[in-house]
Amino acid sequence: MTGYALFDDGTETVFAVSNLVGGHAVAMDRDVELPAGASSVQMWFAITNEWGCIAYDSNYGNNYSFAIDRHGLGATLVFGSDWSFSQSAAVHAGDKIVVHYAPQRLQQCQAETNAMAAWGITLHWQVDGGAVHDVSAARPNGTFLAPSDPIVTVPRGHDLAMWFEATSVYGCHAYDSDYNANYHVAIE
């Protein structure tokens, strides 16, 4: 049996909800990773057999819809694979913001070893030119990277500056820093 999740930000996830054990389907508990900017999800399920039969549980074609509680998180800053940038809300001192970074923006350092990703992406950030803070912006997903959607608690200040650095085990270094100007977000 397979589960499907479609989030309002366009992210789709497919996951197994049962496994065959001794010829019998056994239910599996599954965690589904939520995209940083998602506020709702639609889910449906399918079951297949060895003869090609397929049946759906989709609330009669309407899918099962659920709202996602963001647990008091503030704005989501999205750095898209198409080089776009979007900000879901204003940023205030004390907010916990989510930074969603598409690893495809820094593919030049993509590397693998032993069928695992051998590269990473770091978010560097600072407020008003102060101390630089670092946090991982991506996590391994097989030979590729997936966004890790770090949460940053914004201190007092006026300007949040961010830039990204990709590195690999083979010595590659590449930056996404808005052409050395860094990305800036006003703190209200």
C-alpha atoms as a PDB file:
ATOM      1  CA  MET A   1       0.000   0.000   0.000  1.00  0.00           C
ATOM      2  CA  THR A   2       1.287   3.438  -0.931  1.00  0.00           C
ATOM      3  CA  GLY A   3       0.432   6.863   0.479  1.00  0.00           C
ATOM      4  CA  TYR A   4       0.574  10.144  -1.418  1.00  0.00           C
ATOM      5  CA  ALA A   5       0.780  13.671  -0.003  1.00  0.00           C
ATOM      6  CA  LEU A   6       0.380  16.890  -2.008  1.00  0.00           C
ATOM      7  CA  PHE A   7       1.235  20.078  -0.123  1.00  0.00           C
ATOM      8  CA  ASP A   8      -0.112  23.513  -1.031  1.00  0.00           C
ATOM      9  CA  ASP A   9       3.396  24.672  -1.999  1.00  0.00           C
ATOM     10  CA  GLY A  10       3.440  22.049  -4.786  1.00  0.00           C
ATOM     11  CA  THR A  11       5.668  19.500  -3.025  1.00  0.00           C
ATOM     12  CA  GLU A  12       4.574  15.898  -3.583  1.00  0.00           C
ATOM     13  CA  THR A  13       5.633  12.949  -1.432  1.00  0.00           C
ATOM     14  CA  VAL A  14       5.127   9.220  -1.995  1.00  0.00           C
ATOM     15  CA  PHE A  15       5.599   6.806   0.899  1.00  0.00           C
ATOM     16  CA  ALA A  16       4.960   3.157   1.742  1.00  0.00           C
ATOM     17  CA  VAL A  17       2.324   2.488   4.417  1.00  0.00           C
ATOM     18  CA  SER A  18       2.567  -1.315   4.420  1.00  0.00           C
ATOM     19  CA  ASN A  19       5.172  -3.979   3.830  1.00  0.00           C
ATOM     20  CA  LEU A  20       4.860  -7.627   2.811  1.00  0.00           C
ATOM     21  CA  VAL A  21       5.943  -9.992   5.571  1.00  0.00           C
ATOM     22  CA  GLY A  22       5.484 -13.709   4.936  1.00  0.00           C
ATOM     23  CA  GLY A  23       2.996 -12.962   2.167  1.00  0.00           C
ATOM     24  CA  HIS A  24       0.842 -10.700   4.373  1.00  0.00           C
ATOM     25  CA  ALA A  25       0.561  -6.908   4.283  1.00  0.00           C
ATOM     26  CA  VAL A  26       1.745  -5.399   7.564  1.00  0.00           C
ATOM     27  CA  ALA A  27       0.979  -1.750   8.379  1.00  0.00           C
ATOM     28  CA  MET A  28       3.937   0.603   8.863  1.00  0.00           C
ATOM     29  CA  ASP A  29       4.057   3.830  10.870  1.00  0.00           C
ATOM     30  CA  ARG A  30       5.495   6.559   8.656  1.00  0.00           C
ATOM     31  CA  ASP A  31       6.678  10.101   9.221  1.00  0.00           C
ATOM     32  CA  VAL A  32       6.087  12.473   6.321  1.00  0.00           C
ATOM     33  CA  GLU A  33       8.439  15.432   6.091  1.00  0.00           C
ATOM     34  CA  LEU A  34       6.567  18.731   5.956  1.00  0.00           C
ATOM     35  CA  PRO A  35       7.860  21.449   3.617  1.00  0.00           C
ATOM     36  CA  ALA A  36       8.708  24.675   5.445  1.00  0.00           C
ATOM     37  CA  GLY A  37       6.104  26.853   3.780  1.00  0.00           C
ATOM     38  CA  ALA A  38       3.231  24.373   3.656  1.00  0.00           C
ATOM     39  CA  SER A  39      -0.025  25.253   5.403  1.00  0.00           C
ATOM     40  CA  SER A  40      -2.179  22.381   4.100  1.00  0.00           C
ATOM     41  CA  VAL A  41      -1.879  18.874   2.666  1.00  0.00           C
ATOM     42  CA  GLN A  42      -4.063  16.539   0.626  1.00  0.00           C
ATOM     43  CA  MET A  43      -3.536  12.794   1.069  1.00  0.00           C
ATOM     44  CA  TRP A  44      -4.742   9.644  -0.714  1.00  0.00           C
ATOM     45  CA  PHE A  45      -3.760   5.982  -0.793  1.00  0.00           C
ATOM     46  CA  ALA A  46      -3.433   3.199  -3.362  1.00  0.00           C
ATOM     47  CA  ILE A  47      -3.115  -0.559  -3.097  1.00  0.00           C
ATOM     48  CA  THR A  48      -1.852  -2.844  -5.853  1.00  0.00           C
ATOM     49  CA  ASN A  49      -1.379  -6.561  -6.302  1.00  0.00           C
ATOM     50  CA  GLU A  50       0.841  -8.753  -8.435  1.00  0.00           C
ATOM     51  CA  TRP A  51      -1.813  -9.039 -11.184  1.00  0.00           C
ATOM     52  CA  GLY A  52      -1.980  -5.289 -11.801  1.00  0.00           C
ATOM     53  CA  CYS A  53      -5.131  -4.519  -9.854  1.00  0.00           C
ATOM     54  CA  ILE A  54      -5.114  -1.067  -8.273  1.00  0.00           C
ATOM     55  CA  ALA A  55      -7.633   0.492  -5.891  1.00  0.00           C
ATOM     56  CA  TYR A  56      -7.678   3.953  -4.321  1.00  0.00           C
ATOM     57  CA  ASP A  57      -8.788   5.371  -0.996  1.00  0.00           C
ATOM     58  CA  SER A  58      -9.175   9.042  -1.893  1.00  0.00           C
ATOM     59  CA  ASN A  59     -12.329  10.185  -0.121  1.00  0.00           C
ATOM     60  CA  TYR A  60     -14.253   9.486  -3.332  1.00  0.00           C
ATOM     61  CA  GLY A  61     -11.784  11.454  -5.460  1.00  0.00           C
ATOM     62  CA  ASN A  62     -11.747  14.481  -3.138  1.00  0.00           C
ATOM     63  CA  ASN A  63      -8.616  13.415  -1.212  1.00  0.00           C
ATOM     64  CA  TYR A  64      -8.244  13.833   2.539  1.00  0.00           C
ATOM     65  CA  SER A  65      -7.394  17.475   3.334  1.00  0.00           C
ATOM     66  CA  PHE A  66      -5.676  18.691   6.493  1.00  0.00           C
ATOM     67  CA  ALA A  67      -4.476  22.084   7.742  1.00  0.00           C
ATOM     68  CA  ILE A  68      -0.884  22.247   9.008  1.00  0.00           C
ATOM     69  CA  ASP A  69      -0.219  24.137  12.253  1.00  0.00           C
ATOM     70  CA  ARG A  70       3.092  25.970  11.905  1.00  0.00           C
ATOM     71  CA  HIS A  71       3.539  26.019  15.738  1.00  0.00           C
ATOM     72  CA  GLY A  72       4.102  29.751  16.029  1.00  0.00           C
ATOM     73  CA  LEU A  73       6.745  30.001  13.328  1.00  0.00           C
ATOM     74  CA  GLY A  74       7.164  33.371  11.665  1.00  0.00           C
ATOM     75  CA  ALA A  75       8.026  34.056   8.049  1.00  0.00           C
ATOM     76  CA  THR A  76       9.331  31.501   5.598  1.00  0.00           C
ATOM     77  CA  LEU A  77      12.118  32.725   3.309  1.00  0.00           C
ATOM     78  CA  VAL A  78      12.220  30.633   0.133  1.00  0.00           C
ATOM     79  CA  PHE A  79      15.256  30.548  -2.150  1.00  0.00           C
ATOM     80  CA  GLY A  80      13.844  28.634  -5.124  1.00  0.00           C
ATOM     81  CA  SER A  81      15.649  26.431  -7.626  1.00  0.00           C
ATOM     82  CA  ASP A  82      14.690  28.944 -10.357  1.00  0.00           C
ATOM     83  CA  TRP A  83      16.721  31.635  -8.505  1.00  0.00           C
ATOM     84  CA  SER A  84      13.576  33.252  -7.138  1.00  0.00           C
ATOM     85  CA  PHE A  85      13.263  34.608  -3.623  1.00  0.00           C
ATOM     86  CA  SER A  86      10.030  34.970  -1.674  1.00  0.00           C
ATOM     87  CA  GLN A  87       9.172  36.007   1.854  1.00  0.00           C
ATOM     88  CA  SER A  88       5.850  34.859   3.329  1.00  0.00           C
ATOM     89  CA  ALA A  89       5.528  37.592   5.974  1.00  0.00           C
ATOM     90  CA  ALA A  90       7.341  40.442   7.672  1.00  0.00           C
ATOM     91  CA  VAL A  91      10.294  39.535   9.897  1.00  0.00           C
ATOM     92  CA  HIS A  92      10.379  40.840  13.480  1.00  0.00           C
ATOM     93  CA  ALA A  93      12.985  40.606  16.241  1.00  0.00           C
ATOM     94  CA  GLY A  94      12.328  37.440  18.230  1.00  0.00           C
ATOM     95  CA  ASP A  95      10.625  35.639  15.309  1.00  0.00           C
ATOM     96  CA  LYS A  96      11.560  32.075  14.470  1.00  0.00           C
ATOM     97  CA  ILE A  97      11.844  32.102  10.693  1.00  0.00           C
ATOM     98  CA  VAL A  98      12.296  29.158   8.338  1.00  0.00           C
ATOM     99  CA  VAL A  99      14.874  29.373   5.551  1.00  0.00           C
ATOM    100  CA  HIS A 100      14.038  27.036   2.671  1.00  0.00           C
ATOM    101  CA  TYR A 101      16.967  26.754   0.259  1.00  0.00           C
ATOM    102  CA  ALA A 102      16.840  24.691  -2.953  1.00  0.00           C
ATOM    103  CA  PRO A 103      20.194  22.834  -3.273  1.00  0.00           C
ATOM    104  CA  GLN A 104      19.918  23.023  -7.093  1.00  0.00           C
ATOM    105  CA  ARG A 105      21.084  26.642  -6.805  1.00  0.00           C
ATOM    106  CA  LEU A 106      24.618  25.424  -5.959  1.00  0.00           C
ATOM    107  CA  GLN A 107      24.916  22.227  -8.003  1.00  0.00           C
ATOM    108  CA  GLN A 108      28.477  22.940  -9.091  1.00  0.00           C
ATOM    109  CA  CYS A 109      29.715  21.310  -5.872  1.00  0.00           C
ATOM    110  CA  GLN A 110      27.441  18.271  -6.154  1.00  0.00           C
ATOM    111  CA  ALA A 111      29.455  15.148  -5.365  1.00  0.00           C
ATOM    112  CA  GLU A 112      28.867  11.629  -4.146  1.00  0.00           C
ATOM    113  CA  THR A 113      30.839   8.809  -2.645  1.00  0.00           C
ATOM    114  CA  ASN A 114      29.615   5.282  -1.886  1.00  0.00           C
ATOM    115  CA  ALA A 115      26.151   6.192  -3.239  1.00  0.00           C
ATOM    116  CA  MET A 116      25.777   9.008  -0.693  1.00  0.00           C
ATOM    117  CA  ALA A 117      25.913  12.791  -1.029  1.00  0.00           C
ATOM    118  CA  ALA A 118      29.436  14.036  -0.376  1.00  0.00           C
ATOM    119  CA  TRP A 119      28.655  17.731  -0.325  1.00  0.00           C
ATOM    120  CA  GLY A 120      26.747  20.170   1.834  1.00  0.00           C
ATOM    121  CA  ILE A 121      25.319  23.678   1.899  1.00  0.00           C
ATOM    122  CA  THR A 122      25.703  26.096   4.796  1.00  0.00           C
ATOM    123  CA  LEU A 123      23.573  29.162   5.505  1.00  0.00           C
ATOM    124  CA  HIS A 124      25.656  32.042   6.890  1.00  0.00           C
ATOM    125  CA  TRP A 125      23.707  34.908   8.451  1.00  0.00           C
ATOM    126  CA  GLN A 126      24.296  38.048  10.470  1.00  0.00           C
ATOM    127  CA  VAL A 127      22.300  40.991  11.781  1.00  0.00           C
ATOM    128  CA  ASP A 128      23.483  44.571  11.248  1.00  0.00           C
ATOM    129  CA  GLY A 129      26.997  43.428  10.293  1.00  0.00           C
ATOM    130  CA  GLY A 130      27.544  41.646  13.627  1.00  0.00           C
ATOM    131  CA  ALA A 131      28.687  38.116  14.380  1.00  0.00           C
ATOM    132  CA  VAL A 132      28.283  35.547  11.597  1.00  0.00           C
ATOM    133  CA  HIS A 133      26.196  32.473  12.427  1.00  0.00           C
ATOM    134  CA  ASP A 134      26.240  29.208  10.473  1.00  0.00           C
ATOM    135  CA  VAL A 135      23.645  26.479  10.088  1.00  0.00           C
ATOM    136  CA  SER A 136      23.217  23.633   7.608  1.00  0.00           C
ATOM    137  CA  ALA A 137      20.750  24.510   4.828  1.00  0.00           C
ATOM    138  CA  ALA A 138      20.574  21.005   3.301  1.00  0.00           C
ATOM    139  CA  ARG A 139      20.583  17.369   4.356  1.00  0.00           C
ATOM    140  CA  PRO A 140      21.652  14.234   2.472  1.00  0.00           C
ATOM    141  CA  ASN A 141      18.945  12.361   0.571  1.00  0.00           C
ATOM    142  CA  GLY A 142      20.763   9.472  -1.093  1.00  0.00           C
ATOM    143  CA  THR A 143      23.206  10.927  -3.638  1.00  0.00           C
ATOM    144  CA  PHE A 144      21.425  14.295  -3.610  1.00  0.00           C
ATOM    145  CA  LEU A 145      20.705  17.003  -1.058  1.00  0.00           C
ATOM    146  CA  ALA A 146      17.282  18.073   0.161  1.00  0.00           C
ATOM    147  CA  PRO A 147      16.419  21.328   1.942  1.00  0.00           C
ATOM    148  CA  SER A 148      16.807  21.021   5.721  1.00  0.00           C
ATOM    149  CA  ASP A 149      14.687  24.134   6.349  1.00  0.00           C
ATOM    150  CA  PRO A 150      16.660  25.499   9.316  1.00  0.00           C
ATOM    151  CA  ILE A 151      14.871  27.692  11.840  1.00  0.00           C
ATOM    152  CA  VAL A 152      16.627  30.939  12.745  1.00  0.00           C
ATOM    153  CA  THR A 153      15.613  33.026  15.759  1.00  0.00           C
ATOM    154  CA  VAL A 154      16.011  36.644  14.645  1.00  0.00           C
ATOM    155  CA  PRO A 155      17.740  38.924  17.169  1.00  0.00           C
ATOM    156  CA  ARG A 156      17.087  42.653  17.503  1.00  0.00           C
ATOM    157  CA  GLY A 157      18.348  44.746  14.655  1.00  0.00           C
ATOM    158  CA  HIS A 158      17.398  46.237  11.312  1.00  0.00           C
ATOM    159  CA  ASP A 159      19.019  44.116   8.607  1.00  0.00           C
ATOM    160  CA  LEU A 160      19.275  40.327   8.300  1.00  0.00           C
ATOM    161  CA  ALA A 161      21.995  39.434   5.779  1.00  0.00           C
ATOM    162  CA  MET A 162      22.292  35.880   4.410  1.00  0.00           C
ATOM    163  CA  TRP A 163      24.515  33.982   1.997  1.00  0.00           C
ATOM    164  CA  PHE A 164      25.033  30.315   1.192  1.00  0.00           C
ATOM    165  CA  GLU A 165      28.167  28.219   0.724  1.00  0.00           C
ATOM    166  CA  ALA A 166      28.422  24.789  -0.891  1.00  0.00           C
ATOM    167  CA  THR A 167      31.399  22.550  -0.143  1.00  0.00           C
ATOM    168  CA  SER A 168      32.297  19.017  -1.126  1.00  0.00           C
ATOM    169  CA  VAL A 169      34.718  16.409   0.184  1.00  0.00           C
ATOM    170  CA  TYR A 170      36.701  16.999  -3.010  1.00  0.00           C
ATOM    171  CA  GLY A 171      37.506  20.627  -2.122  1.00  0.00           C
ATOM    172  CA  CYS A 172      34.829  22.424  -4.141  1.00  0.00           C
ATOM    173  CA  HIS A 173      33.628  25.773  -2.720  1.00  0.00           C
ATOM    174  CA  ALA A 174      30.850  27.805  -4.322  1.00  0.00           C
ATOM    175  CA  TYR A 175      28.761  30.703  -3.045  1.00  0.00           C
ATOM    176  CA  ASP A 176      25.264  32.035  -3.576  1.00  0.00           C
ATOM    177  CA  SER A 177      25.555  35.554  -2.212  1.00  0.00           C
ATOM    178  CA  ASP A 178      23.536  37.720  -4.621  1.00  0.00           C
ATOM    179  CA  TYR A 179      26.749  38.527  -6.514  1.00  0.00           C
ATOM    180  CA  ASN A 180      28.693  39.285  -3.291  1.00  0.00           C
ATOM    181  CA  ALA A 181      26.017  41.709  -2.052  1.00  0.00           C
ATOM    182  CA  ASN A 182      24.346  39.057   0.182  1.00  0.00           C
ATOM    183  CA  TYR A 183      20.596  38.669   0.530  1.00  0.00           C
ATOM    184  CA  HIS A 184      19.027  41.262   2.830  1.00  0.00           C
ATOM    185  CA  VAL A 185      15.738  41.127   4.710  1.00  0.00           C
ATOM    186  CA  ALA A 186      14.441  44.035   6.762  1.00  0.00           C
ATOM    187  CA  ILE A 187      13.732  43.354  10.445  1.00  0.00           C
ATOM    188  CA  GLU A 188      10.663  45.318  11.492  1.00  0.00           C
END
